[in-house]
């Protein structure tokens, strides 16, 4: 289990995962189940509330980029990327849009994405 995530880290994780889930235009039951598992693993007790906040605050890819950039030094940045990668693999097909947002976050936070992907 990762170190306790800040509210902003949780929101960025939810936002990236929400983007990953919806990027191919099809949201599967497996993706929803995996997202719920991730929320349980991390201990996001206020998941619905945070999801609703993310849903209203982040309405475009540009908004998501701003949220990622605002989280300049997240303690759990690698965990956020790892969970996002795991979720992206749930439906068996990682789209270009999913890769693009993972690359964006990894670059913003100075993470070697290829190395993290090998470990997931």
N, C-alpha and C. Protein backbone atom coordinates (compact mmCIF):
# COMPACT_ATOMS: atom_id res chain seq x y z
N UNK A 1 0.85 -1.18 0.00
CA UNK A 1 0.00 0.00 0.00
C UNK A 1 0.90 1.24 0.00
N UNK A 2 0.57 2.22 -0.81
CA UNK A 2 1.41 3.42 -0.87
C UNK A 2 1.27 4.24 0.39
N UNK A 3 2.21 5.16 0.56
CA UNK A 3 2.07 6.12 1.65
C UNK A 3 0.72 6.81 1.47
N UNK A 4 0.21 7.34 2.55
CA UNK A 4 -1.07 8.01 2.49
C UNK A 4 -1.04 9.08 1.40
N UNK A 5 -2.03 9.03 0.55
CA UNK A 5 -2.10 10.00 -0.54
C UNK A 5 -2.80 11.26 -0.08
N UNK A 6 -2.32 12.38 -0.56
CA UNK A 6 -3.00 13.64 -0.30
C UNK A 6 -4.29 13.67 -1.11
N UNK A 7 -5.15 14.57 -0.76
CA UNK A 7 -6.41 14.73 -1.50
C UNK A 7 -6.11 15.04 -2.98
N UNK A 8 -5.13 15.92 -3.24
CA UNK A 8 -4.79 16.27 -4.61
C UNK A 8 -4.23 15.07 -5.36
N UNK A 9 -3.40 14.25 -4.71
CA UNK A 9 -2.87 13.05 -5.36
C UNK A 9 -4.00 12.09 -5.72
N UNK A 10 -4.94 11.92 -4.81
CA UNK A 10 -6.09 11.05 -5.08
C UNK A 10 -6.90 11.57 -6.27
N UNK A 11 -7.08 12.88 -6.31
CA UNK A 11 -7.86 13.46 -7.41
C UNK A 11 -7.14 13.29 -8.74
N UNK A 12 -5.82 13.45 -8.76
CA UNK A 12 -5.08 13.25 -10.00
C UNK A 12 -5.12 11.78 -10.42
N UNK A 13 -4.98 10.87 -9.46
CA UNK A 13 -5.09 9.45 -9.78
C UNK A 13 -6.46 9.14 -10.39
N UNK A 14 -7.51 9.61 -9.75
CA UNK A 14 -8.86 9.38 -10.26
C UNK A 14 -9.02 10.01 -11.64
N UNK A 15 -8.49 11.20 -11.82
CA UNK A 15 -8.62 11.89 -13.10
C UNK A 15 -7.91 11.14 -14.22
N UNK A 16 -6.68 10.69 -13.95
CA UNK A 16 -5.95 9.93 -14.98
C UNK A 16 -6.67 8.62 -15.27
N UNK A 17 -7.11 7.93 -14.23
CA UNK A 17 -7.81 6.66 -14.42
C UNK A 17 -9.13 6.87 -15.16
N UNK A 18 -9.82 7.92 -14.84
CA UNK A 18 -11.07 8.24 -15.53
C UNK A 18 -10.80 8.47 -17.02
N UNK A 19 -9.73 9.18 -17.30
CA UNK A 19 -9.34 9.45 -18.68
C UNK A 19 -8.99 8.13 -19.40
N UNK A 20 -8.22 7.29 -18.72
CA UNK A 20 -7.81 6.00 -19.29
C UNK A 20 -9.04 5.14 -19.59
N UNK A 21 -9.95 5.06 -18.64
CA UNK A 21 -11.14 4.23 -18.80
C UNK A 21 -11.98 4.69 -19.99
N UNK A 22 -12.12 5.98 -20.16
CA UNK A 22 -13.03 6.50 -21.18
C UNK A 22 -12.37 6.79 -22.53
N UNK A 23 -11.05 6.66 -22.61
CA UNK A 23 -10.34 7.08 -23.83
C UNK A 23 -10.71 6.27 -25.07
N UNK A 24 -11.08 5.01 -24.90
CA UNK A 24 -11.44 4.21 -26.08
C UNK A 24 -12.93 4.24 -26.39
N UNK A 25 -13.68 5.00 -25.60
CA UNK A 25 -15.11 5.15 -25.85
C UNK A 25 -15.95 4.01 -25.31
N UNK A 26 -15.30 3.01 -24.70
CA UNK A 26 -16.02 1.86 -24.14
C UNK A 26 -15.56 1.68 -22.70
N UNK A 27 -16.50 1.71 -21.78
CA UNK A 27 -16.19 1.48 -20.38
C UNK A 27 -16.69 0.09 -20.01
N UNK A 28 -15.76 -0.79 -19.66
CA UNK A 28 -16.13 -2.17 -19.37
C UNK A 28 -16.36 -2.37 -17.87
N UNK A 29 -17.08 -3.43 -17.54
CA UNK A 29 -17.29 -3.78 -16.14
C UNK A 29 -15.96 -4.08 -15.45
N UNK A 30 -15.04 -4.70 -16.19
CA UNK A 30 -13.72 -5.00 -15.63
C UNK A 30 -12.97 -3.72 -15.26
N UNK A 31 -13.07 -2.71 -16.10
CA UNK A 31 -12.40 -1.43 -15.82
C UNK A 31 -13.00 -0.78 -14.57
N UNK A 32 -14.31 -0.80 -14.47
CA UNK A 32 -14.97 -0.22 -13.29
C UNK A 32 -14.58 -0.99 -12.04
N UNK A 33 -14.58 -2.33 -12.15
CA UNK A 33 -14.19 -3.15 -11.00
C UNK A 33 -12.76 -2.87 -10.58
N UNK A 34 -11.86 -2.77 -11.56
CA UNK A 34 -10.45 -2.51 -11.23
C UNK A 34 -10.28 -1.14 -10.60
N UNK A 35 -11.01 -0.14 -11.08
CA UNK A 35 -10.93 1.19 -10.48
C UNK A 35 -11.41 1.15 -9.03
N UNK A 36 -12.48 0.42 -8.78
CA UNK A 36 -12.97 0.28 -7.40
C UNK A 36 -11.95 -0.45 -6.52
N UNK A 37 -11.27 -1.46 -7.08
CA UNK A 37 -10.22 -2.17 -6.34
C UNK A 37 -9.08 -1.23 -5.99
N UNK A 38 -8.68 -0.40 -6.96
CA UNK A 38 -7.61 0.57 -6.72
C UNK A 38 -8.00 1.52 -5.59
N UNK A 39 -9.23 2.02 -5.64
CA UNK A 39 -9.71 2.93 -4.58
C UNK A 39 -9.66 2.23 -3.22
N UNK A 40 -10.04 0.95 -3.18
CA UNK A 40 -9.99 0.18 -1.92
C UNK A 40 -8.55 -0.03 -1.46
N UNK A 41 -7.66 -0.40 -2.38
CA UNK A 41 -6.26 -0.63 -2.04
C UNK A 41 -5.61 0.60 -1.45
N UNK A 42 -5.92 1.75 -2.00
CA UNK A 42 -5.33 3.00 -1.55
C UNK A 42 -6.01 3.51 -0.29
N UNK A 43 -7.24 3.08 -0.10
CA UNK A 43 -7.99 3.56 1.06
C UNK A 43 -8.69 4.88 0.79
N UNK A 44 -9.24 5.02 -0.41
CA UNK A 44 -9.98 6.24 -0.74
C UNK A 44 -11.41 6.06 -0.23
N UNK A 45 -11.64 6.51 0.99
CA UNK A 45 -12.95 6.36 1.61
C UNK A 45 -14.00 7.28 1.00
N UNK A 46 -13.55 8.40 0.48
CA UNK A 46 -14.46 9.39 -0.09
C UNK A 46 -14.41 9.35 -1.63
N UNK A 47 -14.31 8.15 -2.18
CA UNK A 47 -14.13 7.96 -3.62
C UNK A 47 -15.22 8.63 -4.44
N UNK A 48 -16.49 8.40 -4.07
CA UNK A 48 -17.59 8.99 -4.85
C UNK A 48 -17.52 10.51 -4.84
N UNK A 49 -17.26 11.08 -3.67
CA UNK A 49 -17.15 12.53 -3.55
C UNK A 49 -16.00 13.07 -4.42
N UNK A 50 -14.85 12.42 -4.33
CA UNK A 50 -13.70 12.84 -5.13
C UNK A 50 -13.96 12.67 -6.62
N UNK A 51 -14.59 11.55 -6.99
CA UNK A 51 -14.90 11.31 -8.41
C UNK A 51 -15.79 12.42 -8.93
N UNK A 52 -16.80 12.80 -8.16
CA UNK A 52 -17.71 13.87 -8.57
C UNK A 52 -16.98 15.20 -8.70
N UNK A 53 -16.05 15.47 -7.78
CA UNK A 53 -15.25 16.70 -7.87
C UNK A 53 -14.40 16.69 -9.14
N UNK A 54 -13.74 15.57 -9.39
CA UNK A 54 -12.91 15.44 -10.58
C UNK A 54 -13.77 15.61 -11.83
N UNK A 55 -14.94 15.00 -11.81
CA UNK A 55 -15.84 15.08 -12.96
C UNK A 55 -16.24 16.52 -13.28
N UNK A 56 -16.41 17.34 -12.25
CA UNK A 56 -16.81 18.73 -12.50
C UNK A 56 -15.61 19.65 -12.74
N UNK A 57 -14.45 19.34 -12.15
CA UNK A 57 -13.26 20.19 -12.29
C UNK A 57 -12.47 19.93 -13.56
N UNK A 58 -12.48 18.69 -14.02
CA UNK A 58 -11.63 18.31 -15.15
C UNK A 58 -12.53 17.88 -16.30
N UNK A 59 -12.73 18.80 -17.22
CA UNK A 59 -13.65 18.54 -18.32
C UNK A 59 -12.94 18.44 -19.68
N UNK A 60 -11.61 18.56 -19.65
CA UNK A 60 -10.85 18.47 -20.91
C UNK A 60 -9.47 17.90 -20.61
N UNK A 61 -8.80 17.50 -21.66
CA UNK A 61 -7.43 17.01 -21.51
C UNK A 61 -6.53 18.13 -20.99
N UNK A 62 -6.80 19.36 -21.41
CA UNK A 62 -6.03 20.51 -20.92
C UNK A 62 -6.19 20.67 -19.41
N UNK A 63 -7.41 20.50 -18.90
CA UNK A 63 -7.64 20.56 -17.46
C UNK A 63 -6.84 19.47 -16.74
N UNK A 64 -6.82 18.28 -17.34
CA UNK A 64 -6.06 17.17 -16.74
C UNK A 64 -4.57 17.49 -16.72
N UNK A 65 -4.06 18.05 -17.80
CA UNK A 65 -2.64 18.45 -17.83
C UNK A 65 -2.34 19.46 -16.72
N UNK A 66 -3.23 20.42 -16.53
CA UNK A 66 -3.03 21.43 -15.48
C UNK A 66 -2.99 20.78 -14.10
N UNK A 67 -3.87 19.81 -13.85
CA UNK A 67 -3.89 19.11 -12.55
C UNK A 67 -2.60 18.33 -12.35
N UNK A 68 -2.15 17.66 -13.41
CA UNK A 68 -0.89 16.91 -13.32
C UNK A 68 0.26 17.86 -13.04
N UNK A 69 0.32 18.97 -13.76
CA UNK A 69 1.40 19.95 -13.58
C UNK A 69 1.37 20.58 -12.19
N UNK A 70 0.18 20.78 -11.66
CA UNK A 70 0.05 21.40 -10.34
C UNK A 70 0.57 20.48 -9.24
N UNK A 71 0.65 19.21 -9.52
CA UNK A 71 1.14 18.23 -8.56
C UNK A 71 2.63 18.03 -8.80
N UNK A 72 3.40 19.08 -8.59
CA UNK A 72 4.81 19.12 -8.99
C UNK A 72 5.66 18.05 -8.30
N UNK A 73 5.46 17.83 -7.03
CA UNK A 73 6.29 16.87 -6.30
C UNK A 73 5.45 15.90 -5.48
N UNK A 74 4.59 15.14 -6.13
CA UNK A 74 3.78 14.20 -5.37
C UNK A 74 4.64 13.07 -4.81
N UNK A 75 4.43 12.73 -3.55
CA UNK A 75 5.17 11.62 -2.94
C UNK A 75 4.84 10.30 -3.62
N UNK A 76 3.61 10.18 -4.06
CA UNK A 76 3.12 8.92 -4.61
C UNK A 76 3.06 8.92 -6.13
N UNK A 77 3.87 9.74 -6.78
CA UNK A 77 3.79 9.87 -8.23
C UNK A 77 4.01 8.55 -8.95
N UNK A 78 4.95 7.75 -8.50
CA UNK A 78 5.19 6.46 -9.16
C UNK A 78 3.98 5.54 -8.98
N UNK A 79 3.38 5.55 -7.79
CA UNK A 79 2.20 4.73 -7.54
C UNK A 79 1.03 5.17 -8.42
N UNK A 80 0.87 6.47 -8.60
CA UNK A 80 -0.19 6.99 -9.46
C UNK A 80 -0.01 6.44 -10.87
N UNK A 81 1.22 6.49 -11.36
CA UNK A 81 1.52 5.98 -12.70
C UNK A 81 1.30 4.47 -12.75
N UNK A 82 1.76 3.74 -11.73
CA UNK A 82 1.60 2.28 -11.73
C UNK A 82 0.13 1.87 -11.76
N UNK A 83 -0.66 2.48 -10.92
CA UNK A 83 -2.10 2.15 -10.91
C UNK A 83 -2.75 2.50 -12.24
N UNK A 84 -2.35 3.61 -12.82
CA UNK A 84 -2.91 4.03 -14.11
C UNK A 84 -2.54 3.03 -15.21
N UNK A 85 -1.31 2.54 -15.18
CA UNK A 85 -0.88 1.53 -16.15
C UNK A 85 -1.69 0.25 -15.96
N UNK A 86 -1.82 -0.20 -14.72
CA UNK A 86 -2.60 -1.41 -14.45
C UNK A 86 -4.02 -1.28 -14.99
N UNK A 87 -4.62 -0.14 -14.75
CA UNK A 87 -5.98 0.07 -15.22
C UNK A 87 -6.03 0.10 -16.75
N UNK A 88 -5.03 0.69 -17.37
CA UNK A 88 -5.03 0.77 -18.83
C UNK A 88 -4.94 -0.61 -19.47
N UNK A 89 -4.39 -1.55 -18.77
CA UNK A 89 -4.23 -2.92 -19.29
C UNK A 89 -5.46 -3.79 -19.04
N UNK A 90 -6.41 -3.31 -18.29
CA UNK A 90 -7.58 -4.11 -17.90
C UNK A 90 -8.36 -4.62 -19.09
N UNK A 91 -8.55 -3.79 -20.10
CA UNK A 91 -9.34 -4.23 -21.26
C UNK A 91 -8.48 -4.88 -22.34
N UNK A 92 -7.19 -5.07 -22.04
CA UNK A 92 -6.31 -5.76 -22.97
C UNK A 92 -5.78 -4.92 -24.11
N UNK A 93 -6.15 -3.66 -24.16
CA UNK A 93 -5.73 -2.80 -25.28
C UNK A 93 -5.41 -1.41 -24.75
N UNK A 94 -4.13 -1.05 -24.82
CA UNK A 94 -3.73 0.30 -24.40
C UNK A 94 -3.75 1.19 -25.64
N UNK A 95 -4.60 2.21 -25.61
CA UNK A 95 -4.75 3.10 -26.76
C UNK A 95 -3.66 4.18 -26.76
N UNK A 96 -3.53 4.85 -27.90
CA UNK A 96 -2.57 5.95 -28.01
C UNK A 96 -2.90 7.06 -27.01
N UNK A 97 -4.19 7.34 -26.82
CA UNK A 97 -4.58 8.38 -25.87
C UNK A 97 -4.16 8.02 -24.44
N UNK A 98 -4.29 6.73 -24.11
CA UNK A 98 -3.87 6.28 -22.77
C UNK A 98 -2.36 6.46 -22.61
N UNK A 99 -1.62 6.03 -23.61
CA UNK A 99 -0.16 6.18 -23.57
C UNK A 99 0.21 7.66 -23.48
N UNK A 100 -0.45 8.50 -24.26
CA UNK A 100 -0.14 9.93 -24.26
C UNK A 100 -0.27 10.55 -22.88
N UNK A 101 -1.34 10.22 -22.15
CA UNK A 101 -1.52 10.82 -20.83
C UNK A 101 -0.54 10.25 -19.82
N UNK A 102 -0.20 8.96 -19.96
CA UNK A 102 0.80 8.37 -19.08
C UNK A 102 2.18 8.98 -19.34
N UNK A 103 2.52 9.19 -20.60
CA UNK A 103 3.78 9.83 -20.95
C UNK A 103 3.81 11.27 -20.42
N UNK A 104 2.69 11.97 -20.56
CA UNK A 104 2.63 13.35 -20.09
C UNK A 104 2.91 13.41 -18.58
N UNK A 105 2.21 12.56 -17.81
CA UNK A 105 2.39 12.56 -16.36
C UNK A 105 3.81 12.15 -15.99
N UNK A 106 4.32 11.10 -16.62
CA UNK A 106 5.67 10.64 -16.31
C UNK A 106 6.70 11.73 -16.61
N UNK A 107 6.57 12.39 -17.73
CA UNK A 107 7.49 13.48 -18.08
C UNK A 107 7.38 14.64 -17.09
N UNK A 108 6.16 14.99 -16.72
CA UNK A 108 5.94 16.10 -15.79
C UNK A 108 6.58 15.82 -14.43
N UNK A 109 6.59 14.54 -14.04
CA UNK A 109 7.09 14.17 -12.72
C UNK A 109 8.48 13.56 -12.74
N UNK A 110 9.12 13.52 -13.92
CA UNK A 110 10.47 12.98 -14.00
C UNK A 110 10.56 11.48 -13.75
N UNK A 111 9.59 10.74 -14.25
CA UNK A 111 9.55 9.29 -14.05
C UNK A 111 9.92 8.59 -15.36
N UNK A 112 10.72 7.53 -15.24
CA UNK A 112 11.06 6.70 -16.40
C UNK A 112 9.91 5.74 -16.66
N UNK A 113 9.02 6.10 -17.58
CA UNK A 113 7.79 5.34 -17.82
C UNK A 113 8.09 3.91 -18.28
N UNK A 114 9.06 3.73 -19.14
CA UNK A 114 9.37 2.38 -19.63
C UNK A 114 9.77 1.46 -18.47
N UNK A 115 10.56 1.99 -17.56
CA UNK A 115 10.98 1.21 -16.40
C UNK A 115 9.79 0.84 -15.51
N UNK A 116 8.90 1.78 -15.30
CA UNK A 116 7.71 1.53 -14.47
C UNK A 116 6.80 0.52 -15.15
N UNK A 117 6.65 0.63 -16.47
CA UNK A 117 5.77 -0.29 -17.21
C UNK A 117 6.28 -1.72 -17.13
N UNK A 118 7.60 -1.90 -17.12
CA UNK A 118 8.18 -3.24 -17.00
C UNK A 118 7.85 -3.89 -15.67
N UNK A 119 7.70 -3.06 -14.64
CA UNK A 119 7.47 -3.59 -13.29
C UNK A 119 5.99 -3.80 -12.98
N UNK A 120 5.13 -3.31 -13.83
CA UNK A 120 3.69 -3.46 -13.56
C UNK A 120 3.17 -4.79 -14.05
